[in-house]
Amino acid sequence: MPNIKSVIKDVKKSRELRLRNLATKSKIKTFVKKTKAAQDAKAENAVALLSETVSIVDKAAKKGIIHPNAAARRKSRLTKRANAQA
């Protein structure tokens, strides 16, 4: 554990941010899985889930949790998958 007060604060802050990032990444993965499952089952809520997933991915990219190109790639793949099944 560091002795300098500002470094102690930095460590605390980085732990908090790490937990926030982990939670957001987990949420992204969960919604991607839900969306894919709904698309495979041709459920009625697939379009709503896709929209919600895109929103979550965009917010994560905006906050810097994932890279903007990674967000675009995820959205593109889900949208392409939805259009292929339509």
PDB file of N, CA and C in Angstrom:
ATOM      1  N   MET A   1       0.842  -1.181   0.000  1.00  0.00           N
ATOM      2  CA  MET A   1       0.000   0.000   0.000  1.00  0.00           C
ATOM      3  C   MET A   1       0.891   1.248   0.000  1.00  0.00           C
ATOM      4  N   PRO A   2       0.564   2.207  -0.836  1.00  0.00           N
ATOM      5  CA  PRO A   2       1.387   3.415  -0.907  1.00  0.00           C
ATOM      6  C   PRO A   2       1.261   4.279   0.353  1.00  0.00           C
ATOM      7  N   ASN A   3       2.260   5.117   0.568  1.00  0.00           N
ATOM      8  CA  ASN A   3       2.269   5.999   1.722  1.00  0.00           C
ATOM      9  C   ASN A   3       1.806   7.413   1.390  1.00  0.00           C
ATOM     10  N   ILE A   4       1.952   7.805   0.150  1.00  0.00           N
ATOM     11  CA  ILE A   4       1.621   9.166  -0.258  1.00  0.00           C
ATOM     12  C   ILE A   4       0.101   9.288  -0.429  1.00  0.00           C
ATOM     13  N   LYS A   5      -0.428  10.365   0.144  1.00  0.00           N
ATOM     14  CA  LYS A   5      -1.880  10.536   0.189  1.00  0.00           C
ATOM     15  C   LYS A   5      -2.519  10.558  -1.198  1.00  0.00           C
ATOM     16  N   SER A   6      -1.923  11.270  -2.141  1.00  0.00           N
ATOM     17  CA  SER A   6      -2.508  11.372  -3.478  1.00  0.00           C
ATOM     18  C   SER A   6      -2.472  10.017  -4.201  1.00  0.00           C
ATOM     19  N   VAL A   7      -1.439   9.226  -3.940  1.00  0.00           N
ATOM     20  CA  VAL A   7      -1.340   7.909  -4.571  1.00  0.00           C
ATOM     21  C   VAL A   7      -2.369   6.956  -3.973  1.00  0.00           C
ATOM     22  N   ILE A   8      -2.614   7.090  -2.671  1.00  0.00           N
ATOM     23  CA  ILE A   8      -3.653   6.286  -2.028  1.00  0.00           C
ATOM     24  C   ILE A   8      -5.011   6.592  -2.680  1.00  0.00           C
ATOM     25  N   LYS A   9      -5.270   7.869  -2.920  1.00  0.00           N
ATOM     26  CA  LYS A   9      -6.519   8.270  -3.576  1.00  0.00           C
ATOM     27  C   LYS A   9      -6.586   7.734  -5.000  1.00  0.00           C
ATOM     28  N   ASP A  10      -5.453   7.769  -5.699  1.00  0.00           N
ATOM     29  CA  ASP A  10      -5.408   7.248  -7.072  1.00  0.00           C
ATOM     30  C   ASP A  10      -5.733   5.757  -7.106  1.00  0.00           C
ATOM     31  N   VAL A  11      -5.178   5.006  -6.155  1.00  0.00           N
ATOM     32  CA  VAL A  11      -5.429   3.564  -6.088  1.00  0.00           C
ATOM     33  C   VAL A  11      -6.910   3.306  -5.836  1.00  0.00           C
ATOM     34  N   LYS A  12      -7.485   4.054  -4.901  1.00  0.00           N
ATOM     35  CA  LYS A  12      -8.906   3.894  -4.589  1.00  0.00           C
ATOM     36  C   LYS A  12      -9.765   4.201  -5.814  1.00  0.00           C
ATOM     37  N   LYS A  13      -9.423   5.292  -6.495  1.00  0.00           N
ATOM     38  CA  LYS A  13     -10.188   5.704  -7.674  1.00  0.00           C
ATOM     39  C   LYS A  13     -10.079   4.664  -8.789  1.00  0.00           C
ATOM     40  N   SER A  14      -8.879   4.144  -9.004  1.00  0.00           N
ATOM     41  CA  SER A  14      -8.702   3.165 -10.079  1.00  0.00           C
ATOM     42  C   SER A  14      -9.462   1.875  -9.781  1.00  0.00           C
ATOM     43  N   ARG A  15      -9.561   1.503  -8.492  1.00  0.00           N
ATOM     44  CA  ARG A  15     -10.349   0.316  -8.133  1.00  0.00           C
ATOM     45  C   ARG A  15     -11.834   0.539  -8.414  1.00  0.00           C
ATOM     46  N   GLU A  16     -12.311   1.743  -8.087  1.00  0.00           N
ATOM     47  CA  GLU A  16     -13.721   2.062  -8.347  1.00  0.00           C
ATOM     48  C   GLU A  16     -14.015   2.049  -9.850  1.00  0.00           C
ATOM     49  N   LEU A  17     -13.123   2.654 -10.618  1.00  0.00           N
ATOM     50  CA  LEU A  17     -13.315   2.692 -12.066  1.00  0.00           C
ATOM     51  C   LEU A  17     -13.242   1.293 -12.667  1.00  0.00           C
ATOM     52  N   ARG A  18     -12.346   0.471 -12.155  1.00  0.00           N
ATOM     53  CA  ARG A  18     -12.215  -0.905 -12.644  1.00  0.00           C
ATOM     54  C   ARG A  18     -13.515  -1.668 -12.436  1.00  0.00           C
ATOM     55  N   LEU A  19     -14.115  -1.509 -11.259  1.00  0.00           N
ATOM     56  CA  LEU A  19     -15.374  -2.196 -10.977  1.00  0.00           C
ATOM     57  C   LEU A  19     -16.492  -1.691 -11.891  1.00  0.00           C
ATOM     58  N   ARG A  20     -16.510  -0.378 -12.145  1.00  0.00           N
ATOM     59  CA  ARG A  20     -17.518   0.183 -13.043  1.00  0.00           C
ATOM     60  C   ARG A  20     -17.337  -0.371 -14.450  1.00  0.00           C
ATOM     61  N   ASN A  21     -16.082  -0.429 -14.886  1.00  0.00           N
ATOM     62  CA  ASN A  21     -15.794  -0.946 -16.218  1.00  0.00           C
ATOM     63  C   ASN A  21     -16.186  -2.409 -16.342  1.00  0.00           C
ATOM     64  N   LEU A  22     -15.873  -3.205 -15.317  1.00  0.00           N
ATOM     65  CA  LEU A  22     -16.229  -4.622 -15.340  1.00  0.00           C
ATOM     66  C   LEU A  22     -17.738  -4.806 -15.412  1.00  0.00           C
ATOM     67  N   ALA A  23     -18.461  -4.012 -14.635  1.00  0.00           N
ATOM     68  CA  ALA A  23     -19.919  -4.117 -14.624  1.00  0.00           C
ATOM     69  C   ALA A  23     -20.497  -3.770 -15.998  1.00  0.00           C
ATOM     70  N   THR A  24     -19.966  -2.731 -16.604  1.00  0.00           N
ATOM     71  CA  THR A  24     -20.469  -2.314 -17.916  1.00  0.00           C
ATOM     72  C   THR A  24     -20.152  -3.353 -18.978  1.00  0.00           C
ATOM     73  N   LYS A  25     -18.928  -3.888 -18.964  1.00  0.00           N
ATOM     74  CA  LYS A  25     -18.561  -4.916 -19.946  1.00  0.00           C
ATOM     75  C   LYS A  25     -19.430  -6.155 -19.773  1.00  0.00           C
ATOM     76  N   SER A  26     -19.715  -6.515 -18.530  1.00  0.00           N
ATOM     77  CA  SER A  26     -20.572  -7.663 -18.266  1.00  0.00           C
ATOM     78  C   SER A  26     -21.984  -7.411 -18.796  1.00  0.00           C
ATOM     79  N   LYS A  27     -22.467  -6.195 -18.599  1.00  0.00           N
ATOM     80  CA  LYS A  27     -23.802  -5.837 -19.080  1.00  0.00           C
ATOM     81  C   LYS A  27     -23.872  -5.919 -20.605  1.00  0.00           C
ATOM     82  N   ILE A  28     -22.803  -5.471 -21.261  1.00  0.00           N
ATOM     83  CA  ILE A  28     -22.751  -5.551 -22.721  1.00  0.00           C
ATOM     84  C   ILE A  28     -22.846  -7.007 -23.167  1.00  0.00           C
ATOM     85  N   LYS A  29     -22.029  -7.864 -22.565  1.00  0.00           N
ATOM     86  CA  LYS A  29     -22.030  -9.277 -22.945  1.00  0.00           C
ATOM     87  C   LYS A  29     -23.394  -9.916 -22.719  1.00  0.00           C
ATOM     88  N   THR A  30     -24.029  -9.585 -21.597  1.00  0.00           N
ATOM     89  CA  THR A  30     -25.344 -10.144 -21.280  1.00  0.00           C
ATOM     90  C   THR A  30     -26.370  -9.738 -22.325  1.00  0.00           C
ATOM     91  N   PHE A  31     -26.390  -8.454 -22.675  1.00  0.00           N
ATOM     92  CA  PHE A  31     -27.380  -7.984 -23.633  1.00  0.00           C
ATOM     93  C   PHE A  31     -27.105  -8.517 -25.039  1.00  0.00           C
ATOM     94  N   VAL A  32     -25.841  -8.694 -25.395  1.00  0.00           N
ATOM     95  CA  VAL A  32     -25.524  -9.277 -26.703  1.00  0.00           C
ATOM     96  C   VAL A  32     -26.054 -10.712 -26.763  1.00  0.00           C
ATOM     97  N   LYS A  33     -25.845 -11.464 -25.682  1.00  0.00           N
ATOM     98  CA  LYS A  33     -26.350 -12.839 -25.635  1.00  0.00           C
ATOM     99  C   LYS A  33     -27.872 -12.872 -25.723  1.00  0.00           C
ATOM    100  N   LYS A  34     -28.535 -11.980 -24.967  1.00  0.00           N
ATOM    101  CA  LYS A  34     -29.997 -11.931 -24.994  1.00  0.00           C
ATOM    102  C   LYS A  34     -30.508 -11.588 -26.389  1.00  0.00           C
ATOM    103  N   THR A  35     -29.850 -10.637 -27.026  1.00  0.00           N
ATOM    104  CA  THR A  35     -30.267 -10.212 -28.364  1.00  0.00           C
ATOM    105  C   THR A  35     -30.099 -11.344 -29.362  1.00  0.00           C
ATOM    106  N   LYS A  36     -28.953 -12.027 -29.311  1.00  0.00           N
ATOM    107  CA  LYS A  36     -28.716 -13.143 -30.231  1.00  0.00           C
ATOM    108  C   LYS A  36     -29.731 -14.253 -30.011  1.00  0.00           C
ATOM    109  N   ALA A  37     -30.030 -14.547 -28.742  1.00  0.00           N
ATOM    110  CA  ALA A  37     -31.004 -15.592 -28.441  1.00  0.00           C
ATOM    111  C   ALA A  37     -32.386 -15.215 -28.962  1.00  0.00           C
ATOM    112  N   ALA A  38     -32.767 -13.957 -28.795  1.00  0.00           N
ATOM    113  CA  ALA A  38     -34.067 -13.495 -29.284  1.00  0.00           C
ATOM    114  C   ALA A  38     -34.119 -13.529 -30.809  1.00  0.00           C
ATOM    115  N   GLN A  39     -33.004 -13.182 -31.459  1.00  0.00           N
ATOM    116  CA  GLN A  39     -32.965 -13.219 -32.916  1.00  0.00           C
ATOM    117  C   GLN A  39     -33.071 -14.654 -33.422  1.00  0.00           C
ATOM    118  N   ASP A  40     -32.398 -15.587 -32.739  1.00  0.00           N
ATOM    119  CA  ASP A  40     -32.456 -16.985 -33.150  1.00  0.00           C
ATOM    120  C   ASP A  40     -33.861 -17.557 -32.980  1.00  0.00           C
ATOM    121  N   ALA A  41     -34.524 -17.141 -31.886  1.00  0.00           N
ATOM    122  CA  ALA A  41     -35.877 -17.626 -31.614  1.00  0.00           C
ATOM    123  C   ALA A  41     -36.928 -16.845 -32.392  1.00  0.00           C
ATOM    124  N   LYS A  42     -36.486 -15.833 -33.126  1.00  0.00           N
ATOM    125  CA  LYS A  42     -37.379 -14.958 -33.886  1.00  0.00           C
ATOM    126  C   LYS A  42     -38.470 -14.382 -32.988  1.00  0.00           C
ATOM    127  N   ALA A  43     -38.036 -13.939 -31.808  1.00  0.00           N
ATOM    128  CA  ALA A  43     -38.961 -13.361 -30.828  1.00  0.00           C
ATOM    129  C   ALA A  43     -39.394 -11.972 -31.259  1.00  0.00           C
ATOM    130  N   GLU A  44     -40.536 -11.554 -30.732  1.00  0.00           N
ATOM    131  CA  GLU A  44     -41.079 -10.242 -31.083  1.00  0.00           C
ATOM    132  C   GLU A  44     -40.238  -9.112 -30.499  1.00  0.00           C
ATOM    133  N   ASN A  45     -39.611  -9.378 -29.351  1.00  0.00           N
ATOM    134  CA  ASN A  45     -38.851  -8.326 -28.675  1.00  0.00           C
ATOM    135  C   ASN A  45     -37.412  -8.212 -29.182  1.00  0.00           C
ATOM    136  N   ALA A  46     -37.082  -8.900 -30.252  1.00  0.00           N
ATOM    137  CA  ALA A  46     -35.703  -8.883 -30.765  1.00  0.00           C
ATOM    138  C   ALA A  46     -35.283  -7.485 -31.211  1.00  0.00           C
ATOM    139  N   VAL A  47     -36.198  -6.758 -31.842  1.00  0.00           N
ATOM    140  CA  VAL A  47     -35.879  -5.413 -32.317  1.00  0.00           C
ATOM    141  C   VAL A  47     -35.664  -4.469 -31.139  1.00  0.00           C
ATOM    142  N   ALA A  48     -36.504  -4.591 -30.114  1.00  0.00           N
ATOM    143  CA  ALA A  48     -36.366  -3.751 -28.917  1.00  0.00           C
ATOM    144  C   ALA A  48     -35.059  -4.066 -28.194  1.00  0.00           C
ATOM    145  N   LEU A  49     -34.739  -5.347 -28.101  1.00  0.00           N
ATOM    146  CA  LEU A  49     -33.480  -5.748 -27.458  1.00  0.00           C
ATOM    147  C   LEU A  49     -32.282  -5.236 -28.237  1.00  0.00           C
ATOM    148  N   LEU A  50     -32.352  -5.292 -29.550  1.00  0.00           N
ATOM    149  CA  LEU A  50     -31.258  -4.779 -30.378  1.00  0.00           C
ATOM    150  C   LEU A  50     -31.048  -3.293 -30.126  1.00  0.00           C
ATOM    151  N   SER A  51     -32.139  -2.562 -30.074  1.00  0.00           N
ATOM    152  CA  SER A  51     -32.057  -1.127 -29.828  1.00  0.00           C
ATOM    153  C   SER A  51     -31.438  -0.828 -28.465  1.00  0.00           C
ATOM    154  N   GLU A  52     -31.847  -1.572 -27.459  1.00  0.00           N
ATOM    155  CA  GLU A  52     -31.313  -1.380 -26.107  1.00  0.00           C
ATOM    156  C   GLU A  52     -29.835  -1.751 -26.038  1.00  0.00           C
ATOM    157  N   THR A  53     -29.465  -2.820 -26.717  1.00  0.00           N
ATOM    158  CA  THR A  53     -28.071  -3.251 -26.737  1.00  0.00           C
ATOM    159  C   THR A  53     -27.190  -2.211 -27.417  1.00  0.00           C
ATOM    160  N   VAL A  54     -27.655  -1.682 -28.533  1.00  0.00           N
ATOM    161  CA  VAL A  54     -26.902  -0.644 -29.243  1.00  0.00           C
ATOM    162  C   VAL A  54     -26.701   0.574 -28.351  1.00  0.00           C
ATOM    163  N   SER A  55     -27.735   0.932 -27.608  1.00  0.00           N
ATOM    164  CA  SER A  55     -27.647   2.069 -26.699  1.00  0.00           C
ATOM    165  C   SER A  55     -26.602   1.836 -25.614  1.00  0.00           C
ATOM    166  N   ILE A  56     -26.582   0.650 -25.041  1.00  0.00           N
ATOM    167  CA  ILE A  56     -25.619   0.311 -23.988  1.00  0.00           C
ATOM    168  C   ILE A  56     -24.194   0.334 -24.538  1.00  0.00           C
ATOM    169  N   VAL A  57     -24.021  -0.222 -25.723  1.00  0.00           N
ATOM    170  CA  VAL A  57     -22.694  -0.249 -26.351  1.00  0.00           C
ATOM    171  C   VAL A  57     -22.219   1.171 -26.655  1.00  0.00           C
ATOM    172  N   ASP A  58     -23.118   2.010 -27.151  1.00  0.00           N
ATOM    173  CA  ASP A  58     -22.759   3.400 -27.447  1.00  0.00           C
ATOM    174  C   ASP A  58     -22.339   4.156 -26.190  1.00  0.00           C
ATOM    175  N   LYS A  59     -23.076   3.960 -25.113  1.00  0.00           N
ATOM    176  CA  LYS A  59     -22.740   4.633 -23.858  1.00  0.00           C
ATOM    177  C   LYS A  59     -21.375   4.185 -23.338  1.00  0.00           C
ATOM    178  N   ALA A  60     -21.082   2.894 -23.463  1.00  0.00           N
ATOM    179  CA  ALA A  60     -19.783   2.385 -23.012  1.00  0.00           C
ATOM    180  C   ALA A  60     -18.650   2.979 -23.841  1.00  0.00           C
ATOM    181  N   ALA A  61     -18.879   3.123 -25.136  1.00  0.00           N
ATOM    182  CA  ALA A  61     -17.860   3.717 -26.003  1.00  0.00           C
ATOM    183  C   ALA A  61     -17.675   5.190 -25.674  1.00  0.00           C
ATOM    184  N   LYS A  62     -18.755   5.864 -25.386  1.00  0.00           N
ATOM    185  CA  LYS A  62     -18.691   7.287 -25.063  1.00  0.00           C
ATOM    186  C   LYS A  62     -17.911   7.525 -23.772  1.00  0.00           C
ATOM    187  N   LYS A  63     -18.062   6.619 -22.808  1.00  0.00           N
ATOM    188  CA  LYS A  63     -17.360   6.740 -21.526  1.00  0.00           C
ATOM    189  C   LYS A  63     -15.917   6.250 -21.613  1.00  0.00           C
ATOM    190  N   GLY A  64     -15.559   5.633 -22.733  1.00  0.00           N
ATOM    191  CA  GLY A  64     -14.193   5.148 -22.897  1.00  0.00           C
ATOM    192  C   GLY A  64     -13.965   3.768 -22.324  1.00  0.00           C
ATOM    193  N   ILE A  65     -15.031   3.051 -22.032  1.00  0.00           N
ATOM    194  CA  ILE A  65     -14.902   1.714 -21.461  1.00  0.00           C
ATOM    195  C   ILE A  65     -14.501   0.713 -22.537  1.00  0.00           C
ATOM    196  N   ILE A  66     -15.071   0.878 -23.727  1.00  0.00           N
ATOM    197  CA  ILE A  66     -14.626   0.090 -24.868  1.00  0.00           C
ATOM    198  C   ILE A  66     -14.244   1.054 -25.982  1.00  0.00           C
ATOM    199  N   HIS A  67     -13.446   0.581 -26.906  1.00  0.00           N
ATOM    200  CA  HIS A  67     -12.979   1.415 -28.012  1.00  0.00           C
ATOM    201  C   HIS A  67     -14.141   1.692 -28.965  1.00  0.00           C
ATOM    202  N   PRO A  68     -14.201   2.890 -29.516  1.00  0.00           N
ATOM    203  CA  PRO A  68     -15.295   3.214 -30.447  1.00  0.00           C
ATOM    204  C   PRO A  68     -15.404   2.251 -31.630  1.00  0.00           C
ATOM    205  N   ASN A  69     -14.267   1.783 -32.139  1.00  0.00           N
ATOM    206  CA  ASN A  69     -14.309   0.827 -33.253  1.00  0.00           C
ATOM    207  C   ASN A  69     -14.878  -0.513 -32.813  1.00  0.00           C
ATOM    208  N   ALA A  70     -14.582  -0.911 -31.577  1.00  0.00           N
ATOM    209  CA  ALA A  70     -15.134  -2.161 -31.043  1.00  0.00           C
ATOM    210  C   ALA A  70     -16.647  -2.030 -30.901  1.00  0.00           C
ATOM    211  N   ALA A  71     -17.107  -0.865 -30.476  1.00  0.00           N
ATOM    212  CA  ALA A  71     -18.542  -0.630 -30.351  1.00  0.00           C
ATOM    213  C   ALA A  71     -19.212  -0.705 -31.723  1.00  0.00           C
ATOM    214  N   ALA A  72     -18.591  -0.063 -32.705  1.00  0.00           N
ATOM    215  CA  ALA A  72     -19.145  -0.079 -34.055  1.00  0.00           C
ATOM    216  C   ALA A  72     -19.194  -1.498 -34.604  1.00  0.00           C
ATOM    217  N   ARG A  73     -18.147  -2.269 -34.334  1.00  0.00           N
ATOM    218  CA  ARG A  73     -18.095  -3.654 -34.817  1.00  0.00           C
ATOM    219  C   ARG A  73     -19.210  -4.493 -34.203  1.00  0.00           C
ATOM    220  N   ARG A  74     -19.414  -4.358 -32.900  1.00  0.00           N
ATOM    221  CA  ARG A  74     -20.475  -5.122 -32.224  1.00  0.00           C
ATOM    222  C   ARG A  74     -21.849  -4.749 -32.776  1.00  0.00           C
ATOM    223  N   LYS A  75     -22.090  -3.458 -32.921  1.00  0.00           N
ATOM    224  CA  LYS A  75     -23.383  -3.003 -33.430  1.00  0.00           C
ATOM    225  C   LYS A  75     -23.602  -3.493 -34.856  1.00  0.00           C
ATOM    226  N   SER A  76     -22.551  -3.422 -35.661  1.00  0.00           N
ATOM    227  CA  SER A  76     -22.656  -3.840 -37.049  1.00  0.00           C
ATOM    228  C   SER A  76     -22.987  -5.324 -37.160  1.00  0.00           C
ATOM    229  N   ARG A  77     -22.316  -6.122 -36.382  1.00  0.00           N
ATOM    230  CA  ARG A  77     -22.547  -7.572 -36.437  1.00  0.00           C
ATOM    231  C   ARG A  77     -23.960  -7.934 -36.003  1.00  0.00           C
ATOM    232  N   LEU A  78     -24.439  -7.290 -34.931  1.00  0.00           N
ATOM    233  CA  LEU A  78     -25.798  -7.576 -34.472  1.00  0.00           C
ATOM    234  C   LEU A  78     -26.838  -7.120 -35.488  1.00  0.00           C
ATOM    235  N   THR A  79     -26.615  -5.952 -36.069  1.00  0.00           N
ATOM    236  CA  THR A  79     -27.564  -5.424 -37.047  1.00  0.00           C
ATOM    237  C   THR A  79     -27.578  -6.278 -38.312  1.00  0.00           C
ATOM    238  N   LYS A  80     -26.386  -6.682 -38.755  1.00  0.00           N
ATOM    239  CA  LYS A  80     -26.280  -7.538 -39.940  1.00  0.00           C
ATOM    240  C   LYS A  80     -27.017  -8.860 -39.698  1.00  0.00           C
ATOM    241  N   ARG A  81     -26.850  -9.388 -38.497  1.00  0.00           N
ATOM    242  CA  ARG A  81     -27.507 -10.649 -38.132  1.00  0.00           C
ATOM    243  C   ARG A  81     -29.028 -10.484 -38.128  1.00  0.00           C
ATOM    244  N   ALA A  82     -29.498  -9.348 -37.604  1.00  0.00           N
ATOM    245  CA  ALA A  82     -30.942  -9.088 -37.559  1.00  0.00           C
ATOM    246  C   ALA A  82     -31.520  -8.927 -38.968  1.00  0.00           C
ATOM    247  N   ASN A  83     -30.765  -8.218 -39.829  1.00  0.00           N
ATOM    248  CA  ASN A  83     -31.250  -7.997 -41.203  1.00  0.00           C
ATOM    249  C   ASN A  83     -31.250  -9.292 -42.014  1.00  0.00           C
ATOM    250  N   ALA A  84     -30.319 -10.178 -41.731  1.00  0.00           N
ATOM    251  CA  ALA A  84     -30.266 -11.446 -42.463  1.00  0.00           C
ATOM    252  C   ALA A  84     -31.446 -12.332 -42.129  1.00  0.00           C
ATOM    253  N   GLN A  85     -31.931 -12.211 -40.905  1.00  0.00           N
ATOM    254  CA  GLN A  85     -33.056 -13.055 -40.486  1.00  0.00           C
ATOM    255  C   GLN A  85     -34.407 -12.450 -40.848  1.00  0.00           C
ATOM    256  N   ALA A  86     -34.402 -11.187 -41.206  1.00  0.00           N
ATOM    257  CA  ALA A  86     -35.677 -10.510 -41.529  1.00  0.00           C
ATOM    258  C   ALA A  86     -36.164 -10.873 -42.918  1.00  0.00           C
TER     259      ALA A  86
END
